[in-house]
N, C-alpha and C. Protein backbone atom coordinates (compact mmCIF):
# COMPACT_ATOMS: atom_id res chain seq x y z
N MET A 1 55.58 3.30 219.78
CA MET A 1 56.63 3.29 220.56
C MET A 1 57.76 4.51 220.12
N SER A 2 58.38 5.26 220.75
CA SER A 2 59.10 6.19 220.25
C SER A 2 60.41 5.55 219.92
N SER A 3 61.09 6.23 219.05
CA SER A 3 62.50 5.86 218.33
C SER A 3 63.36 6.30 219.52
N PRO A 4 64.69 5.98 219.52
CA PRO A 4 65.86 6.30 220.57
C PRO A 4 66.23 7.91 220.21
N ALA A 5 66.17 8.33 219.03
CA ALA A 5 66.30 9.83 218.73
C ALA A 5 65.12 10.67 219.42
N GLU A 6 63.82 10.10 219.14
CA GLU A 6 62.69 10.82 219.97
C GLU A 6 62.85 10.74 221.26
N ILE A 7 63.44 9.50 222.25
CA ILE A 7 63.25 9.49 223.23
C ILE A 7 64.44 10.62 223.84
N VAL A 8 65.43 10.66 223.44
CA VAL A 8 66.74 11.50 223.44
C VAL A 8 66.29 12.97 223.70
N GLU A 9 65.73 13.44 222.45
CA GLU A 9 65.33 14.98 222.06
C GLU A 9 64.46 15.10 223.14
N GLU A 10 63.23 14.36 223.38
CA GLU A 10 62.01 14.76 224.48
C GLU A 10 62.61 14.84 225.85
N LEU A 11 63.68 14.01 226.23
CA LEU A 11 64.46 14.03 227.41
C LEU A 11 65.23 15.36 227.63
N ILE A 12 66.01 15.58 226.69
CA ILE A 12 66.76 17.13 226.68
C ILE A 12 65.75 18.41 226.72
N LYS A 13 64.92 18.08 225.87
CA LYS A 13 64.23 19.29 225.84
C LYS A 13 63.35 19.74 226.91
N ASN A 14 62.73 18.64 227.46
CA ASN A 14 61.71 18.60 228.85
C ASN A 14 62.57 18.71 230.22
N ASN A 15 63.92 18.63 230.32
CA ASN A 15 64.42 18.61 231.62
C ASN A 15 65.78 19.54 231.73
N LYS A 16 65.82 20.11 232.74
CA LYS A 16 67.23 20.98 232.74
C LYS A 16 68.20 20.09 232.75
N VAL A 17 68.45 19.08 233.45
CA VAL A 17 69.69 18.15 233.31
C VAL A 17 69.38 16.84 233.06
N VAL A 18 70.00 16.07 232.08
CA VAL A 18 69.86 14.60 231.51
C VAL A 18 71.10 13.96 231.66
N ILE A 19 71.21 13.04 232.65
CA ILE A 19 72.47 12.29 232.41
C ILE A 19 72.16 10.84 231.81
N PHE A 20 72.70 10.35 230.88
CA PHE A 20 72.73 9.07 230.20
C PHE A 20 73.98 8.26 230.95
N SER A 21 73.38 7.50 231.80
CA SER A 21 74.65 6.89 232.69
C SER A 21 74.60 5.05 232.47
N LYS A 22 75.39 4.59 232.96
CA LYS A 22 75.25 3.19 233.30
C LYS A 22 75.37 2.98 234.90
N SER A 23 74.51 2.10 235.45
CA SER A 23 74.45 1.89 236.74
C SER A 23 75.66 1.54 237.49
N TYR A 24 76.70 0.92 236.77
CA TYR A 24 77.92 0.33 237.42
C TYR A 24 79.07 1.19 237.16
N CYS A 25 78.86 2.39 236.30
CA CYS A 25 79.87 3.12 236.09
C CYS A 25 80.57 4.15 237.12
N PRO A 26 81.72 3.86 237.57
CA PRO A 26 82.13 5.08 238.70
C PRO A 26 82.32 6.35 238.19
N TYR A 27 82.47 6.76 236.91
CA TYR A 27 82.35 8.10 236.23
C TYR A 27 81.09 8.65 236.35
N CYS A 28 80.07 7.96 236.05
CA CYS A 28 78.65 8.19 236.32
C CYS A 28 78.28 8.52 237.61
N THR A 29 78.77 7.96 238.58
CA THR A 29 78.44 8.05 240.01
C THR A 29 79.05 9.18 240.45
N ALA A 30 80.14 9.63 240.13
CA ALA A 30 80.69 10.76 240.29
C ALA A 30 79.95 11.81 239.80
N THR A 31 79.45 11.88 238.47
CA THR A 31 78.78 12.87 237.97
C THR A 31 77.48 13.02 238.73
N LYS A 32 76.59 12.08 239.18
CA LYS A 32 75.59 12.03 239.82
C LYS A 32 75.77 12.61 241.06
N ASP A 33 76.56 12.22 241.78
CA ASP A 33 77.08 12.62 242.99
C ASP A 33 77.08 14.13 243.11
N LEU A 34 77.89 14.71 242.04
CA LEU A 34 78.07 16.29 241.93
C LEU A 34 76.73 17.02 241.86
N PHE A 35 75.86 16.55 240.97
CA PHE A 35 74.84 17.57 241.00
C PHE A 35 73.88 17.12 242.32
N LYS A 36 74.22 15.83 243.03
CA LYS A 36 73.15 15.68 244.18
C LYS A 36 73.84 16.70 245.12
N GLN A 37 75.17 16.97 245.43
CA GLN A 37 75.90 17.67 246.25
C GLN A 37 75.36 19.33 245.95
N LEU A 38 75.06 19.58 244.49
CA LEU A 38 74.76 21.04 244.11
C LEU A 38 73.36 21.10 244.51
N GLY A 39 72.63 20.06 244.67
CA GLY A 39 71.25 20.13 244.96
C GLY A 39 70.21 20.32 243.64
N VAL A 40 70.56 19.99 242.53
CA VAL A 40 70.00 19.98 241.37
C VAL A 40 69.23 18.52 241.06
N THR A 41 67.91 18.78 240.55
CA THR A 41 67.27 17.70 240.33
C THR A 41 67.57 17.25 238.88
N VAL A 42 67.92 15.86 238.73
CA VAL A 42 68.45 15.35 237.29
C VAL A 42 67.35 14.35 236.97
N VAL A 43 67.43 14.01 235.62
CA VAL A 43 66.78 12.83 235.12
C VAL A 43 67.83 11.77 234.57
N VAL A 44 68.04 10.89 235.22
CA VAL A 44 69.08 9.71 234.77
C VAL A 44 68.53 8.80 234.30
N ILE A 45 69.13 8.38 233.10
CA ILE A 45 68.88 7.26 232.35
C ILE A 45 69.94 6.10 232.37
N GLU A 46 69.73 5.37 232.98
CA GLU A 46 70.68 3.88 233.23
C GLU A 46 70.52 3.10 231.86
N LEU A 47 71.40 3.32 230.86
CA LEU A 47 71.33 2.65 229.79
C LEU A 47 71.26 1.34 229.93
N ASP A 48 71.91 0.76 230.84
CA ASP A 48 72.44 -0.70 231.08
C ASP A 48 70.99 -1.47 231.70
N GLU A 49 69.82 -0.77 232.16
CA GLU A 49 68.63 -1.08 232.61
C GLU A 49 67.85 -0.93 231.68
N ARG A 50 67.96 -0.59 230.39
CA ARG A 50 66.89 -0.41 229.43
C ARG A 50 67.09 -1.53 228.50
N GLN A 51 65.81 -2.21 227.64
CA GLN A 51 66.28 -2.98 226.40
C GLN A 51 66.60 -1.98 225.31
N ASP A 52 66.17 -0.72 225.19
CA ASP A 52 66.83 0.07 223.93
C ASP A 52 68.08 0.93 224.47
N GLY A 53 68.85 0.47 225.55
CA GLY A 53 69.72 1.20 225.93
C GLY A 53 70.74 1.34 224.90
N ALA A 54 71.20 0.19 224.29
CA ALA A 54 72.49 0.34 223.27
C ALA A 54 72.18 1.40 222.09
N ALA A 55 70.61 1.00 221.85
CA ALA A 55 70.29 1.91 220.57
C ALA A 55 70.17 3.56 221.00
N ILE A 56 69.95 3.59 222.31
CA ILE A 56 69.81 5.22 222.52
C ILE A 56 71.60 5.53 222.61
N GLN A 57 72.25 4.97 223.30
CA GLN A 57 73.75 5.29 223.17
C GLN A 57 74.28 5.25 221.69
N ASP A 58 73.83 4.68 220.85
CA ASP A 58 74.31 4.99 219.28
C ASP A 58 73.69 6.01 218.88
N TYR A 59 72.68 6.43 219.05
CA TYR A 59 72.09 7.59 218.83
C TYR A 59 72.68 8.83 219.34
N LEU A 60 73.20 8.67 220.80
CA LEU A 60 74.11 9.85 221.44
C LEU A 60 75.17 9.83 220.69
N LEU A 61 76.09 8.73 220.20
CA LEU A 61 77.09 8.92 219.53
C LEU A 61 77.24 9.90 218.26
N THR A 62 75.64 9.54 217.53
CA THR A 62 75.45 10.26 216.30
C THR A 62 75.37 11.82 216.78
N LYS A 63 74.63 11.95 217.87
CA LYS A 63 74.31 13.46 217.99
C LYS A 63 75.51 14.09 218.58
N THR A 64 76.32 13.45 219.32
CA THR A 64 77.42 14.31 220.23
C THR A 64 78.86 13.72 219.92
N GLY A 65 79.02 12.58 219.13
CA GLY A 65 80.30 12.32 218.80
C GLY A 65 81.00 11.59 219.96
N GLN A 66 80.10 11.45 221.06
CA GLN A 66 80.48 10.77 222.05
C GLN A 66 79.70 9.50 222.35
N ARG A 67 80.56 8.28 222.71
CA ARG A 67 80.22 7.16 222.91
C ARG A 67 79.99 6.71 224.49
N THR A 68 80.89 7.65 225.17
CA THR A 68 81.00 7.20 226.52
C THR A 68 79.91 7.61 227.39
N VAL A 69 79.74 6.80 228.65
CA VAL A 69 78.96 7.40 229.75
C VAL A 69 79.80 7.91 230.84
N PRO A 70 79.54 8.97 231.76
CA PRO A 70 78.13 9.53 231.40
C PRO A 70 78.05 10.56 230.16
N ASN A 71 76.89 10.79 229.88
CA ASN A 71 76.71 11.71 228.55
C ASN A 71 75.81 12.74 229.26
N VAL A 72 76.09 13.93 229.40
CA VAL A 72 75.36 15.16 230.21
C VAL A 72 74.91 16.25 229.36
N PHE A 73 73.75 16.31 229.54
CA PHE A 73 73.08 17.64 228.76
C PHE A 73 72.75 18.41 230.04
N VAL A 74 72.80 19.82 230.04
CA VAL A 74 72.43 20.95 230.89
C VAL A 74 71.68 21.90 230.20
N ALA A 75 70.39 22.19 230.33
CA ALA A 75 69.96 23.46 229.77
C ALA A 75 69.91 23.27 228.35
N GLN A 76 69.68 21.72 227.50
CA GLN A 76 69.68 21.46 226.29
C GLN A 76 71.09 21.69 225.55
N LYS A 77 72.01 21.89 226.35
CA LYS A 77 73.42 21.92 225.96
C LYS A 77 74.44 20.70 226.23
N HIS A 78 74.94 20.23 225.21
CA HIS A 78 75.83 18.98 225.50
C HIS A 78 77.07 19.29 226.24
N ILE A 79 77.17 18.72 227.68
CA ILE A 79 78.48 19.17 228.10
C ILE A 79 79.63 18.18 228.09
N GLY A 80 79.14 16.74 228.21
CA GLY A 80 80.13 15.82 227.88
C GLY A 80 80.03 14.53 228.93
N GLY A 81 81.29 14.40 229.41
CA GLY A 81 81.35 13.21 230.43
C GLY A 81 81.55 13.73 231.55
N ASN A 82 82.28 13.03 232.63
CA ASN A 82 82.52 13.34 233.71
C ASN A 82 83.54 14.17 234.01
N ASP A 83 84.70 14.28 233.19
CA ASP A 83 85.77 15.15 233.41
C ASP A 83 85.19 16.65 232.98
N LYS A 84 84.52 16.56 231.89
CA LYS A 84 84.01 17.80 231.33
C LYS A 84 83.14 18.53 232.45
N VAL A 85 82.29 17.70 232.85
CA VAL A 85 81.20 18.22 233.94
C VAL A 85 81.97 18.67 235.24
N GLN A 86 82.78 17.95 235.69
CA GLN A 86 83.48 18.42 236.71
C GLN A 86 84.31 19.73 236.67
N ALA A 87 84.94 19.99 235.25
CA ALA A 87 85.60 21.13 235.01
C ALA A 87 84.76 22.41 234.93
N ALA A 88 83.36 22.31 234.33
CA ALA A 88 82.66 23.15 234.15
C ALA A 88 81.90 23.48 235.61
N ASN A 89 82.08 22.56 236.54
CA ASN A 89 81.55 22.93 238.02
C ASN A 89 82.69 23.88 238.47
N LYS A 90 83.68 23.41 238.39
CA LYS A 90 85.16 24.27 238.85
C LYS A 90 85.28 25.61 238.27
N ASP A 91 84.99 25.92 236.91
CA ASP A 91 85.19 27.15 236.27
C ASP A 91 84.02 28.21 236.30
N GLY A 92 82.67 27.22 236.71
CA GLY A 92 81.72 28.42 237.01
C GLY A 92 80.76 27.99 235.72
N THR A 93 81.05 27.30 234.65
CA THR A 93 80.29 27.25 233.70
C THR A 93 78.61 26.64 233.93
N LEU A 94 79.18 25.55 234.63
CA LEU A 94 78.03 24.64 235.13
C LEU A 94 76.70 25.53 235.88
N GLN A 95 77.51 26.44 236.87
CA GLN A 95 76.33 27.27 237.51
C GLN A 95 75.59 28.13 236.52
N LYS A 96 76.26 28.64 235.39
CA LYS A 96 75.75 29.66 234.72
C LYS A 96 74.50 28.76 233.84
N LEU A 97 74.81 27.73 233.60
CA LEU A 97 73.72 26.88 232.83
C LEU A 97 72.77 26.46 233.65
N LEU A 98 73.04 26.32 234.91
CA LEU A 98 71.75 25.88 235.79
C LEU A 98 71.01 26.96 236.23
N ALA A 99 71.55 28.28 236.11
CA ALA A 99 70.71 29.35 236.49
C ALA A 99 69.45 29.91 235.86
């Protein structure tokens, strides 16, 4: 069984976009919708639907200093939450990372 740290690091390393999310969170939905509109394939980890979700969220806090969801990584770079992702989309930063 992989540790929360191993799960997170593997996901970030092996996928262009990873969204750590909660299924009921409106900010998470807004982030997922943005990537859908951009036509980008993402890996979504719904923390509230996993037994190890709380442990993964604890590790993300240690790794990024962010406890809230969504917690988004693009091209192995931590972007942050919905506000930061939307801002990165508006200013073109997101497109550069996705290219």
